[in-house]
Amino acid sequence: MDRSATNRQLWALFCITKKDHRDMNLTVDQASELIAQAKASINAKREDAINIYNEALKAGQKALEACTPVPMIVGQHANVFNDHSPVTQTWNVPDGVCGFAWITIRLKDSKRRTFINQLKKAGLASSDINCFDRKVRFKKDDYYGGYTLWIREGDQSMQRKEAFAYAFANILSDHGIEAQVGSRMD
């Protein structure tokens, strides 16, 4: 006669699947098999999230490298308080305007929550707002809500950062994960 599943196995199944298996009269072997299947499913979801993230990073990097920003000419007037005074010196800034860009994923549906949770477990997202670890990308954001990825690539060029952010967000969108892109000049 097979032994009944242990309370520990039933608790593990509940924690993984969020379903009560106590009335199913599972054996130890059946419970072990269900636990293994559930863990495999979780690992597959994590791999999917990491693969989507890496695909989006590659697309963002490719867009950033293909971007040719509109150069900016900066001029200094003889009287800094009078824009009509003669220009005494000019500088060419080939990377265009300086600025920031970011991507925000708001946790409004289960697909986005699952994606962020799997990234958190993989070390690619953090709930710690004060986390400044460069490898942790998405951070919990109380201002915008959800999780935000600030684009660090592209030096100070806002146009390059925007190109990266839009390409990244498009890949997420292709996989059914809605994300918003934002930017501002510095």
Protein backbone atom coordinates (compact mmCIF):
# COMPACT_ATOMS: atom_id res chain seq x y z
CA MET A 1 0.00 0.00 0.00
CA ASP A 2 1.32 3.43 -0.94
CA ARG A 3 1.79 6.02 1.77
CA SER A 4 -0.32 9.17 1.70
CA ALA A 5 1.36 12.43 0.78
CA THR A 6 2.96 14.14 3.76
CA ASN A 7 1.70 17.40 5.16
CA ARG A 8 4.98 18.96 4.06
CA GLN A 9 4.37 17.86 0.45
CA LEU A 10 0.79 19.12 0.54
CA TRP A 11 1.98 22.45 1.91
CA ALA A 12 4.66 22.68 -0.82
CA LEU A 13 2.02 21.98 -3.46
CA PHE A 14 -0.22 24.66 -2.01
CA CYS A 15 2.61 27.20 -1.94
CA ILE A 16 3.57 26.47 -5.54
CA THR A 17 0.14 26.03 -7.14
CA LYS A 18 -2.11 27.99 -4.75
CA LYS A 19 -4.52 25.00 -4.80
CA ASP A 20 -5.59 22.82 -1.89
CA HIS A 21 -4.59 19.18 -2.56
CA ARG A 22 -5.58 17.73 0.84
CA ASP A 23 -8.80 16.06 -0.37
CA MET A 24 -7.20 14.48 -3.44
CA ASN A 25 -5.79 11.46 -1.53
CA LEU A 26 -2.38 11.78 -3.21
CA THR A 27 0.40 9.30 -2.55
CA VAL A 28 3.93 10.38 -1.69
CA ASP A 29 5.04 9.55 -5.25
CA GLN A 30 2.17 11.42 -6.87
CA ALA A 31 2.80 14.48 -4.71
CA SER A 32 6.52 14.34 -5.54
CA GLU A 33 5.71 14.20 -9.25
CA LEU A 34 3.30 17.17 -8.99
CA ILE A 35 5.91 19.18 -7.08
CA ALA A 36 8.55 18.39 -9.74
CA GLN A 37 6.17 19.41 -12.54
CA ALA A 38 5.26 22.66 -10.78
CA LYS A 39 8.93 23.52 -10.21
CA ALA A 40 9.70 22.80 -13.87
CA SER A 41 6.87 25.13 -14.89
CA ILE A 42 8.22 27.88 -12.63
CA ASN A 43 11.73 27.44 -14.02
CA ALA A 44 10.35 27.61 -17.56
CA LYS A 45 8.56 30.89 -16.74
CA ARG A 46 11.78 32.31 -15.31
CA GLU A 47 13.74 31.27 -18.40
CA ASP A 48 11.08 32.86 -20.61
CA ALA A 49 11.27 36.12 -18.65
CA ILE A 50 15.08 36.16 -18.82
CA ASN A 51 15.00 35.40 -22.56
CA ILE A 52 12.49 38.22 -23.21
CA TYR A 53 14.62 40.59 -21.12
CA ASN A 54 17.81 39.64 -23.01
CA GLU A 55 16.05 39.92 -26.38
CA ALA A 56 14.82 43.40 -25.40
CA LEU A 57 18.32 44.41 -24.27
CA LYS A 58 19.80 43.32 -27.61
CA ALA A 59 17.11 45.20 -29.54
CA GLY A 60 17.67 48.30 -27.40
CA GLN A 61 21.44 48.16 -27.91
CA LYS A 62 20.99 47.71 -31.67
CA ALA A 63 18.62 50.71 -31.84
CA LEU A 64 20.99 52.80 -29.74
CA GLU A 65 23.92 52.02 -32.06
CA ALA A 66 21.82 52.77 -35.16
CA CYS A 67 20.60 56.10 -33.78
CA THR A 68 22.19 59.26 -35.20
CA PRO A 69 21.20 62.12 -32.91
CA VAL A 70 20.56 65.60 -34.27
CA PRO A 71 23.66 67.60 -33.20
CA MET A 72 23.16 70.49 -30.86
CA ILE A 73 24.95 73.84 -31.19
CA VAL A 74 25.49 75.62 -27.90
CA GLY A 75 26.29 79.32 -27.97
CA GLN A 76 27.51 81.72 -25.32
CA HIS A 77 26.32 85.31 -25.53
CA ALA A 78 28.46 88.29 -24.52
CA ASN A 79 25.76 89.10 -21.97
CA VAL A 80 24.38 85.84 -20.57
CA PHE A 81 21.19 87.66 -19.50
CA ASN A 82 20.50 89.05 -23.00
CA ASP A 83 19.76 86.62 -25.83
CA HIS A 84 20.11 89.49 -28.33
CA SER A 85 23.74 90.22 -27.39
CA PRO A 86 26.45 88.96 -29.78
CA VAL A 87 27.46 85.29 -29.58
CA THR A 88 31.06 85.06 -28.41
CA GLN A 89 31.65 81.31 -28.56
CA THR A 90 29.88 78.19 -29.89
CA TRP A 91 30.27 74.46 -29.30
CA ASN A 92 29.07 71.53 -31.38
CA VAL A 93 27.55 68.68 -29.34
CA PRO A 94 27.34 65.71 -31.76
CA ASP A 95 25.25 63.56 -29.36
CA GLY A 96 22.42 66.10 -29.31
CA VAL A 97 20.58 67.19 -26.21
CA CYS A 98 21.38 65.65 -22.83
CA GLY A 99 18.61 63.82 -21.09
CA PHE A 100 17.13 60.72 -19.56
CA ALA A 101 14.86 57.90 -20.71
CA TRP A 102 13.13 55.12 -18.84
CA ILE A 103 10.69 52.25 -19.23
CA THR A 104 7.93 51.62 -16.70
CA ILE A 105 5.98 48.41 -16.27
CA ARG A 106 2.88 48.92 -14.15
CA LEU A 107 1.68 45.74 -12.45
CA LYS A 108 -1.92 45.94 -13.64
CA ASP A 109 -2.28 42.36 -14.91
CA SER A 110 -0.94 38.92 -14.09
CA LYS A 111 1.33 38.73 -17.16
CA ARG A 112 3.25 41.86 -16.11
CA ARG A 113 3.34 40.76 -12.45
CA THR A 114 4.65 37.33 -13.42
CA PHE A 115 7.30 38.87 -15.69
CA ILE A 116 8.58 41.22 -12.96
CA ASN A 117 8.44 38.51 -10.27
CA GLN A 118 10.52 36.18 -12.43
CA LEU A 119 13.03 38.98 -13.11
CA LYS A 120 13.21 39.63 -9.36
CA LYS A 121 13.99 35.96 -8.72
CA ALA A 122 16.65 36.09 -11.44
CA GLY A 123 18.23 39.22 -9.89
CA LEU A 124 17.19 41.52 -12.75
CA ALA A 125 14.63 43.51 -10.76
CA SER A 126 14.50 44.73 -7.19
CA SER A 127 11.87 45.92 -4.74
CA ASP A 128 14.57 47.86 -2.90
CA ILE A 129 14.12 51.44 -4.09
CA ASN A 130 17.53 52.36 -2.66
CA CYS A 131 19.30 49.57 -4.55
CA PHE A 132 22.10 51.07 -6.66
CA ASP A 133 23.57 47.78 -7.86
CA ARG A 134 24.30 48.30 -11.56
CA LYS A 135 23.32 44.75 -12.51
CA VAL A 136 19.84 45.15 -11.04
CA ARG A 137 17.87 46.84 -13.77
CA PHE A 138 14.17 47.23 -12.98
CA LYS A 139 13.53 48.89 -9.63
CA LYS A 140 10.31 49.40 -7.71
CA ASP A 141 9.14 52.92 -8.37
CA ASP A 142 6.69 54.63 -6.05
CA TYR A 143 6.55 57.77 -8.22
CA TYR A 144 5.54 56.20 -11.54
CA GLY A 145 4.12 53.03 -9.99
CA GLY A 146 5.23 49.53 -10.88
CA TYR A 147 8.86 48.92 -11.84
CA THR A 148 11.09 51.28 -13.80
CA LEU A 149 14.22 50.65 -15.83
CA TRP A 150 16.34 53.78 -16.21
CA ILE A 151 18.40 53.64 -19.40
CA ARG A 152 22.09 53.96 -18.58
CA GLU A 153 23.37 53.23 -22.07
CA GLY A 154 23.89 56.02 -24.61
CA ASP A 155 26.05 58.33 -22.49
CA GLN A 156 24.11 61.59 -22.04
CA SER A 157 22.31 61.57 -25.40
CA MET A 158 18.56 61.69 -24.83
CA GLN A 159 17.83 60.58 -28.40
CA ARG A 160 20.01 57.47 -28.06
CA LYS A 161 18.43 56.62 -24.71
CA GLU A 162 14.96 57.07 -26.23
CA ALA A 163 15.86 54.80 -29.17
CA PHE A 164 17.01 52.13 -26.69
CA ALA A 165 13.87 52.53 -24.56
CA TYR A 166 11.41 52.33 -27.47
CA ALA A 167 13.12 49.27 -28.96
CA PHE A 168 13.14 47.59 -25.52
CA ALA A 169 9.45 48.39 -24.95
CA ASN A 170 8.52 47.14 -28.43
CA ILE A 171 10.02 43.72 -27.68
CA LEU A 172 8.10 43.58 -24.40
CA SER A 173 4.94 44.53 -26.30
CA ASP A 174 5.58 41.76 -28.84
CA HIS A 175 5.46 39.34 -25.91
CA GLY A 176 2.26 40.83 -24.47
CA ILE A 177 3.92 42.87 -21.73
CA GLU A 178 2.73 46.47 -21.82
CA ALA A 179 5.34 49.08 -20.91
CA GLN A 180 5.44 52.86 -21.06
CA VAL A 181 8.46 54.88 -22.22
CA GLY A 182 9.27 58.27 -20.76
CA SER A 183 12.04 60.79 -21.28
CA ARG A 184 13.06 64.31 -20.36
CA MET A 185 15.83 66.74 -21.17
CA ASP A 186 18.46 67.46 -18.58
